Amino acid sequence: MLIALTEYAAKHGKNESSARRMALRGRFCTAEKIGRNWVIDENEPWPDYRTSAYRKDLKKIESFEYTESGKLI
């Protein structure tokens, strides 16, 4: 289910502006802008590029499946 990016940031204990900046840079797989609002899948993990563990799990994060219309399965 898609939720607002501000809600997603609060859920992960992060700053709203940090989440928006990451969405603008394309760091989230499921973030999309609808009108002037950003939405993101609520189950997407918060990426942490500082750790090598994240790099090992990168394939898992990018393994989301989409329908022909581009919706997350």
PDB file of N, CA and C in Angstrom:
ATOM      1  N   MET A   1       0.838  -1.168   0.000  1.00  0.00           N
ATOM      2  CA  MET A   1       0.000   0.000   0.000  1.00  0.00           C
ATOM      3  C   MET A   1       0.891   1.241   0.000  1.00  0.00           C
ATOM      4  N   LEU A   2       0.520   2.224  -0.779  1.00  0.00           N
ATOM      5  CA  LEU A   2       1.284   3.464  -0.852  1.00  0.00           C
ATOM      6  C   LEU A   2       0.888   4.394   0.284  1.00  0.00           C
ATOM      7  N   ILE A   3       1.897   5.028   0.892  1.00  0.00           N
ATOM      8  CA  ILE A   3       1.659   6.006   1.943  1.00  0.00           C
ATOM      9  C   ILE A   3       2.426   7.277   1.590  1.00  0.00           C
ATOM     10  N   ALA A   4       2.116   8.357   2.251  1.00  0.00           N
ATOM     11  CA  ALA A   4       2.809   9.625   2.019  1.00  0.00           C
ATOM     12  C   ALA A   4       4.262   9.493   2.477  1.00  0.00           C
ATOM     13  N   LEU A   5       5.142  10.185   1.799  1.00  0.00           N
ATOM     14  CA  LEU A   5       6.558  10.135   2.131  1.00  0.00           C
ATOM     15  C   LEU A   5       6.814  10.674   3.541  1.00  0.00           C
ATOM     16  N   THR A   6       6.041  11.649   3.963  1.00  0.00           N
ATOM     17  CA  THR A   6       6.195  12.180   5.320  1.00  0.00           C
ATOM     18  C   THR A   6       5.841  11.125   6.360  1.00  0.00           C
ATOM     19  N   GLU A   7       4.803  10.351   6.085  1.00  0.00           N
ATOM     20  CA  GLU A   7       4.401   9.262   6.973  1.00  0.00           C
ATOM     21  C   GLU A   7       5.475   8.173   7.014  1.00  0.00           C
ATOM     22  N   TYR A   8       6.051   7.875   5.861  1.00  0.00           N
ATOM     23  CA  TYR A   8       7.120   6.876   5.749  1.00  0.00           C
ATOM     24  C   TYR A   8       8.340   7.308   6.563  1.00  0.00           C
ATOM     25  N   ALA A   9       8.706   8.587   6.466  1.00  0.00           N
ATOM     26  CA  ALA A   9       9.858   9.102   7.212  1.00  0.00           C
ATOM     27  C   ALA A   9       9.605   9.009   8.716  1.00  0.00           C
ATOM     28  N   ALA A  10       8.412   9.369   9.140  1.00  0.00           N
ATOM     29  CA  ALA A  10       8.075   9.295  10.567  1.00  0.00           C
ATOM     30  C   ALA A  10       8.109   7.851  11.058  1.00  0.00           C
ATOM     31  N   LYS A  11       7.655   6.929  10.237  1.00  0.00           N
ATOM     32  CA  LYS A  11       7.645   5.504  10.592  1.00  0.00           C
ATOM     33  C   LYS A  11       9.062   4.988  10.841  1.00  0.00           C
ATOM     34  N   HIS A  12      10.028   5.513  10.089  1.00  0.00           N
ATOM     35  CA  HIS A  12      11.414   5.078  10.212  1.00  0.00           C
ATOM     36  C   HIS A  12      12.243   5.994  11.113  1.00  0.00           C
ATOM     37  N   GLY A  13      11.616   6.986  11.718  1.00  0.00           N
ATOM     38  CA  GLY A  13      12.312   7.885  12.620  1.00  0.00           C
ATOM     39  C   GLY A  13      13.308   8.788  11.916  1.00  0.00           C
ATOM     40  N   LYS A  14      13.008   9.165  10.681  1.00  0.00           N
ATOM     41  CA  LYS A  14      13.894  10.004   9.880  1.00  0.00           C
ATOM     42  C   LYS A  14      13.243  11.358   9.625  1.00  0.00           C
ATOM     43  N   ASN A  15      14.048  12.301   9.197  1.00  0.00           N
ATOM     44  CA  ASN A  15      13.566  13.639   8.883  1.00  0.00           C
ATOM     45  C   ASN A  15      12.847  13.629   7.535  1.00  0.00           C
ATOM     46  N   GLU A  16      11.755  14.353   7.467  1.00  0.00           N
ATOM     47  CA  GLU A  16      10.953  14.427   6.237  1.00  0.00           C
ATOM     48  C   GLU A  16      11.757  14.958   5.058  1.00  0.00           C
ATOM     49  N   SER A  17      12.598  15.966   5.301  1.00  0.00           N
ATOM     50  CA  SER A  17      13.379  16.543   4.205  1.00  0.00           C
ATOM     51  C   SER A  17      14.427  15.558   3.688  1.00  0.00           C
ATOM     52  N   SER A  18      14.948  14.705   4.562  1.00  0.00           N
ATOM     53  CA  SER A  18      15.913  13.684   4.127  1.00  0.00           C
ATOM     54  C   SER A  18      15.237  12.673   3.209  1.00  0.00           C
ATOM     55  N   ALA A  19      14.033  12.275   3.555  1.00  0.00           N
ATOM     56  CA  ALA A  19      13.287  11.323   2.732  1.00  0.00           C
ATOM     57  C   ALA A  19      12.958  11.926   1.373  1.00  0.00           C
ATOM     58  N   ARG A  20      12.564  13.189   1.366  1.00  0.00           N
ATOM     59  CA  ARG A  20      12.239  13.856   0.100  1.00  0.00           C
ATOM     60  C   ARG A  20      13.474  13.983  -0.785  1.00  0.00           C
ATOM     61  N   ARG A  21      14.602  14.322  -0.175  1.00  0.00           N
ATOM     62  CA  ARG A  21      15.860  14.446  -0.920  1.00  0.00           C
ATOM     63  C   ARG A  21      16.269  13.100  -1.522  1.00  0.00           C
ATOM     64  N   MET A  22      16.101  12.017  -0.752  1.00  0.00           N
ATOM     65  CA  MET A  22      16.438  10.685  -1.263  1.00  0.00           C
ATOM     66  C   MET A  22      15.502  10.289  -2.401  1.00  0.00           C
ATOM     67  N   ALA A  23      14.234  10.655  -2.299  1.00  0.00           N
ATOM     68  CA  ALA A  23      13.280  10.353  -3.371  1.00  0.00           C
ATOM     69  C   ALA A  23      13.653  11.109  -4.645  1.00  0.00           C
ATOM     70  N   LEU A  24      14.038  12.365  -4.495  1.00  0.00           N
ATOM     71  CA  LEU A  24      14.451  13.161  -5.657  1.00  0.00           C
ATOM     72  C   LEU A  24      15.674  12.572  -6.341  1.00  0.00           C
ATOM     73  N   ARG A  25      16.561  11.986  -5.569  1.00  0.00           N
ATOM     74  CA  ARG A  25      17.787  11.397  -6.116  1.00  0.00           C
ATOM     75  C   ARG A  25      17.585   9.974  -6.630  1.00  0.00           C
ATOM     76  N   GLY A  26      16.380   9.428  -6.452  1.00  0.00           N
ATOM     77  CA  GLY A  26      16.092   8.097  -6.962  1.00  0.00           C
ATOM     78  C   GLY A  26      16.597   6.967  -6.079  1.00  0.00           C
ATOM     79  N   ARG A  27      16.748   7.209  -4.798  1.00  0.00           N
ATOM     80  CA  ARG A  27      17.278   6.195  -3.884  1.00  0.00           C
ATOM     81  C   ARG A  27      16.232   5.178  -3.443  1.00  0.00           C
ATOM     82  N   PHE A  28      14.956   5.490  -3.633  1.00  0.00           N
ATOM     83  CA  PHE A  28      13.887   4.556  -3.287  1.00  0.00           C
ATOM     84  C   PHE A  28      13.377   3.882  -4.559  1.00  0.00           C
ATOM     85  N   CYS A  29      13.103   2.594  -4.470  1.00  0.00           N
ATOM     86  CA  CYS A  29      12.609   1.855  -5.635  1.00  0.00           C
ATOM     87  C   CYS A  29      11.145   2.185  -5.947  1.00  0.00           C
ATOM     88  N   THR A  30      10.353   2.431  -4.918  1.00  0.00           N
ATOM     89  CA  THR A  30       8.911   2.571  -5.127  1.00  0.00           C
ATOM     90  C   THR A  30       8.388   3.978  -4.965  1.00  0.00           C
ATOM     91  N   ALA A  31       9.243   4.956  -4.708  1.00  0.00           N
ATOM     92  CA  ALA A  31       8.775   6.342  -4.520  1.00  0.00           C
ATOM     93  C   ALA A  31       8.359   6.933  -5.863  1.00  0.00           C
ATOM     94  N   GLU A  32       7.231   7.611  -5.853  1.00  0.00           N
ATOM     95  CA  GLU A  32       6.773   8.298  -7.054  1.00  0.00           C
ATOM     96  C   GLU A  32       6.044   9.563  -6.652  1.00  0.00           C
ATOM     97  N   LYS A  33       6.082  10.526  -7.539  1.00  0.00           N
ATOM     98  CA  LYS A  33       5.444  11.799  -7.269  1.00  0.00           C
ATOM     99  C   LYS A  33       4.110  11.847  -7.996  1.00  0.00           C
ATOM    100  N   ILE A  34       3.057  12.068  -7.247  1.00  0.00           N
ATOM    101  CA  ILE A  34       1.715  12.194  -7.806  1.00  0.00           C
ATOM    102  C   ILE A  34       1.272  13.626  -7.549  1.00  0.00           C
ATOM    103  N   GLY A  35       1.219  14.407  -8.606  1.00  0.00           N
ATOM    104  CA  GLY A  35       0.928  15.833  -8.448  1.00  0.00           C
ATOM    105  C   GLY A  35       2.091  16.498  -7.747  1.00  0.00           C
ATOM    106  N   ARG A  36       1.843  17.056  -6.587  1.00  0.00           N
ATOM    107  CA  ARG A  36       2.929  17.667  -5.822  1.00  0.00           C
ATOM    108  C   ARG A  36       3.323  16.831  -4.607  1.00  0.00           C
ATOM    109  N   ASN A  37       2.708  15.671  -4.444  1.00  0.00           N
ATOM    110  CA  ASN A  37       2.938  14.828  -3.278  1.00  0.00           C
ATOM    111  C   ASN A  37       3.742  13.580  -3.627  1.00  0.00           C
ATOM    112  N   TRP A  38       4.667  13.237  -2.761  1.00  0.00           N
ATOM    113  CA  TRP A  38       5.440  12.003  -2.904  1.00  0.00           C
ATOM    114  C   TRP A  38       4.744  10.884  -2.155  1.00  0.00           C
ATOM    115  N   VAL A  39       4.692   9.696  -2.771  1.00  0.00           N
ATOM    116  CA  VAL A  39       4.166   8.496  -2.114  1.00  0.00           C
ATOM    117  C   VAL A  39       5.189   7.380  -2.276  1.00  0.00           C
ATOM    118  N   ILE A  40       5.127   6.413  -1.373  1.00  0.00           N
ATOM    119  CA  ILE A  40       6.087   5.314  -1.375  1.00  0.00           C
ATOM    120  C   ILE A  40       5.407   4.090  -0.780  1.00  0.00           C
ATOM    121  N   ASP A  41       5.858   2.907  -1.179  1.00  0.00           N
ATOM    122  CA  ASP A  41       5.318   1.675  -0.618  1.00  0.00           C
ATOM    123  C   ASP A  41       5.725   1.586   0.850  1.00  0.00           C
ATOM    124  N   GLU A  42       4.771   1.272   1.714  1.00  0.00           N
ATOM    125  CA  GLU A  42       5.044   1.262   3.152  1.00  0.00           C
ATOM    126  C   GLU A  42       6.013   0.155   3.575  1.00  0.00           C
ATOM    127  N   ASN A  43       6.195  -0.871   2.760  1.00  0.00           N
ATOM    128  CA  ASN A  43       7.073  -1.981   3.122  1.00  0.00           C
ATOM    129  C   ASN A  43       8.501  -1.833   2.600  1.00  0.00           C
ATOM    130  N   GLU A  44       8.788  -0.761   1.901  1.00  0.00           N
ATOM    131  CA  GLU A  44      10.146  -0.569   1.388  1.00  0.00           C
ATOM    132  C   GLU A  44      11.091  -0.251   2.547  1.00  0.00           C
ATOM    133  N   PRO A  45      12.218  -0.937   2.618  1.00  0.00           N
ATOM    134  CA  PRO A  45      13.165  -0.663   3.712  1.00  0.00           C
ATOM    135  C   PRO A  45      13.879   0.666   3.492  1.00  0.00           C
ATOM    136  N   TRP A  46      14.282   1.295   4.601  1.00  0.00           N
ATOM    137  CA  TRP A  46      15.051   2.540   4.498  1.00  0.00           C
ATOM    138  C   TRP A  46      16.467   2.169   4.088  1.00  0.00           C
ATOM    139  N   PRO A  47      16.956   2.661   2.956  1.00  0.00           N
ATOM    140  CA  PRO A  47      18.300   2.285   2.503  1.00  0.00           C
ATOM    141  C   PRO A  47      19.380   2.968   3.332  1.00  0.00           C
ATOM    142  N   ASP A  48      20.425   2.226   3.634  1.00  0.00           N
ATOM    143  CA  ASP A  48      21.560   2.772   4.360  1.00  0.00           C
ATOM    144  C   ASP A  48      22.801   2.466   3.545  1.00  0.00           C
ATOM    145  N   TYR A  49      23.247   3.437   2.790  1.00  0.00           N
ATOM    146  CA  TYR A  49      24.361   3.231   1.871  1.00  0.00           C
ATOM    147  C   TYR A  49      25.708   3.235   2.579  1.00  0.00           C
ATOM    148  N   ARG A  50      25.724   3.490   3.884  1.00  0.00           N
ATOM    149  CA  ARG A  50      26.985   3.558   4.610  1.00  0.00           C
ATOM    150  C   ARG A  50      27.531   2.182   4.964  1.00  0.00           C
ATOM    151  N   THR A  51      26.687   1.150   4.961  1.00  0.00           N
ATOM    152  CA  THR A  51      27.126  -0.162   5.423  1.00  0.00           C
ATOM    153  C   THR A  51      27.345  -1.116   4.259  1.00  0.00           C
ATOM    154  N   SER A  52      28.288  -2.024   4.433  1.00  0.00           N
ATOM    155  CA  SER A  52      28.527  -3.029   3.404  1.00  0.00           C
ATOM    156  C   SER A  52      27.404  -4.066   3.397  1.00  0.00           C
ATOM    157  N   ALA A  53      26.709  -4.218   4.521  1.00  0.00           N
ATOM    158  CA  ALA A  53      25.589  -5.155   4.579  1.00  0.00           C
ATOM    159  C   ALA A  53      24.497  -4.738   3.600  1.00  0.00           C
ATOM    160  N   TYR A  54      24.312  -3.423   3.428  1.00  0.00           N
ATOM    161  CA  TYR A  54      23.307  -2.950   2.486  1.00  0.00           C
ATOM    162  C   TYR A  54      23.698  -3.338   1.065  1.00  0.00           C
ATOM    163  N   ARG A  55      24.959  -3.221   0.748  1.00  0.00           N
ATOM    164  CA  ARG A  55      25.412  -3.553  -0.604  1.00  0.00           C
ATOM    165  C   ARG A  55      25.184  -5.033  -0.907  1.00  0.00           C
ATOM    166  N   LYS A  56      25.330  -5.883   0.098  1.00  0.00           N
ATOM    167  CA  LYS A  56      25.089  -7.313  -0.097  1.00  0.00           C
ATOM    168  C   LYS A  56      23.608  -7.583  -0.353  1.00  0.00           C
ATOM    169  N   ASP A  57      22.741  -6.814   0.318  1.00  0.00           N
ATOM    170  CA  ASP A  57      21.297  -7.008   0.185  1.00  0.00           C
ATOM    171  C   ASP A  57      20.683  -6.169  -0.927  1.00  0.00           C
ATOM    172  N   LEU A  58      21.504  -5.489  -1.715  1.00  0.00           N
ATOM    173  CA  LEU A  58      20.996  -4.603  -2.756  1.00  0.00           C
ATOM    174  C   LEU A  58      20.090  -5.341  -3.733  1.00  0.00           C
ATOM    175  N   LYS A  59      20.425  -6.564  -4.069  1.00  0.00           N
ATOM    176  CA  LYS A  59      19.604  -7.328  -5.003  1.00  0.00           C
ATOM    177  C   LYS A  59      18.230  -7.604  -4.409  1.00  0.00           C
ATOM    178  N   LYS A  60      18.149  -7.834  -3.110  1.00  0.00           N
ATOM    179  CA  LYS A  60      16.864  -8.088  -2.471  1.00  0.00           C
ATOM    180  C   LYS A  60      15.974  -6.851  -2.530  1.00  0.00           C
ATOM    181  N   ILE A  61      16.569  -5.679  -2.339  1.00  0.00           N
ATOM    182  CA  ILE A  61      15.794  -4.447  -2.337  1.00  0.00           C
ATOM    183  C   ILE A  61      15.286  -4.126  -3.738  1.00  0.00           C
ATOM    184  N   GLU A  62      16.064  -4.416  -4.748  1.00  0.00           N
ATOM    185  CA  GLU A  62      15.658  -4.107  -6.114  1.00  0.00           C
ATOM    186  C   GLU A  62      14.828  -5.229  -6.747  1.00  0.00           C
ATOM    187  N   SER A  63      14.507  -6.265  -5.977  1.00  0.00           N
ATOM    188  CA  SER A  63      13.786  -7.392  -6.546  1.00  0.00           C
ATOM    189  C   SER A  63      12.272  -7.249  -6.427  1.00  0.00           C
ATOM    190  N   PHE A  64      11.784  -6.011  -6.318  1.00  0.00           N
ATOM    191  CA  PHE A  64      10.349  -5.794  -6.319  1.00  0.00           C
ATOM    192  C   PHE A  64       9.793  -6.188  -7.682  1.00  0.00           C
ATOM    193  N   GLU A  65       8.587  -6.722  -7.691  1.00  0.00           N
ATOM    194  CA  GLU A  65       7.955  -7.105  -8.948  1.00  0.00           C
ATOM    195  C   GLU A  65       6.829  -6.122  -9.258  1.00  0.00           C
ATOM    196  N   TYR A  66       6.665  -5.828 -10.533  1.00  0.00           N
ATOM    197  CA  TYR A  66       5.663  -4.868 -10.955  1.00  0.00           C
ATOM    198  C   TYR A  66       4.734  -5.486 -11.989  1.00  0.00           C
ATOM    199  N   THR A  67       3.499  -4.985 -12.037  1.00  0.00           N
ATOM    200  CA  THR A  67       2.554  -5.411 -13.063  1.00  0.00           C
ATOM    201  C   THR A  67       2.866  -4.656 -14.344  1.00  0.00           C
ATOM    202  N   GLU A  68       2.147  -4.977 -15.411  1.00  0.00           N
ATOM    203  CA  GLU A  68       2.383  -4.308 -16.696  1.00  0.00           C
ATOM    204  C   GLU A  68       2.100  -2.808 -16.611  1.00  0.00           C
ATOM    205  N   SER A  69       1.192  -2.411 -15.736  1.00  0.00           N
ATOM    206  CA  SER A  69       0.878  -0.979 -15.586  1.00  0.00           C
ATOM    207  C   SER A  69       1.870  -0.268 -14.677  1.00  0.00           C
ATOM    208  N   GLY A  70       2.852  -0.986 -14.125  1.00  0.00           N
ATOM    209  CA  GLY A  70       3.869  -0.371 -13.291  1.00  0.00           C
ATOM    210  C   GLY A  70       3.559  -0.368 -11.803  1.00  0.00           C
ATOM    211  N   LYS A  71       2.505  -1.063 -11.396  1.00  0.00           N
ATOM    212  CA  LYS A  71       2.144  -1.125  -9.977  1.00  0.00           C
ATOM    213  C   LYS A  71       2.938  -2.226  -9.281  1.00  0.00           C
ATOM    214  N   LEU A  72       3.269  -2.007  -8.028  1.00  0.00           N
ATOM    215  CA  LEU A  72       4.008  -2.971  -7.230  1.00  0.00           C
ATOM    216  C   LEU A  72       3.128  -4.167  -6.888  1.00  0.00           C
ATOM    217  N   ILE A  73       3.689  -5.369  -7.051  1.00  0.00           N
ATOM    218  CA  ILE A  73       2.934  -6.588  -6.711  1.00  0.00           C
ATOM    219  C   ILE A  73       3.159  -6.918  -5.256  1.00  0.00           C
TER     220      ILE A  73
END
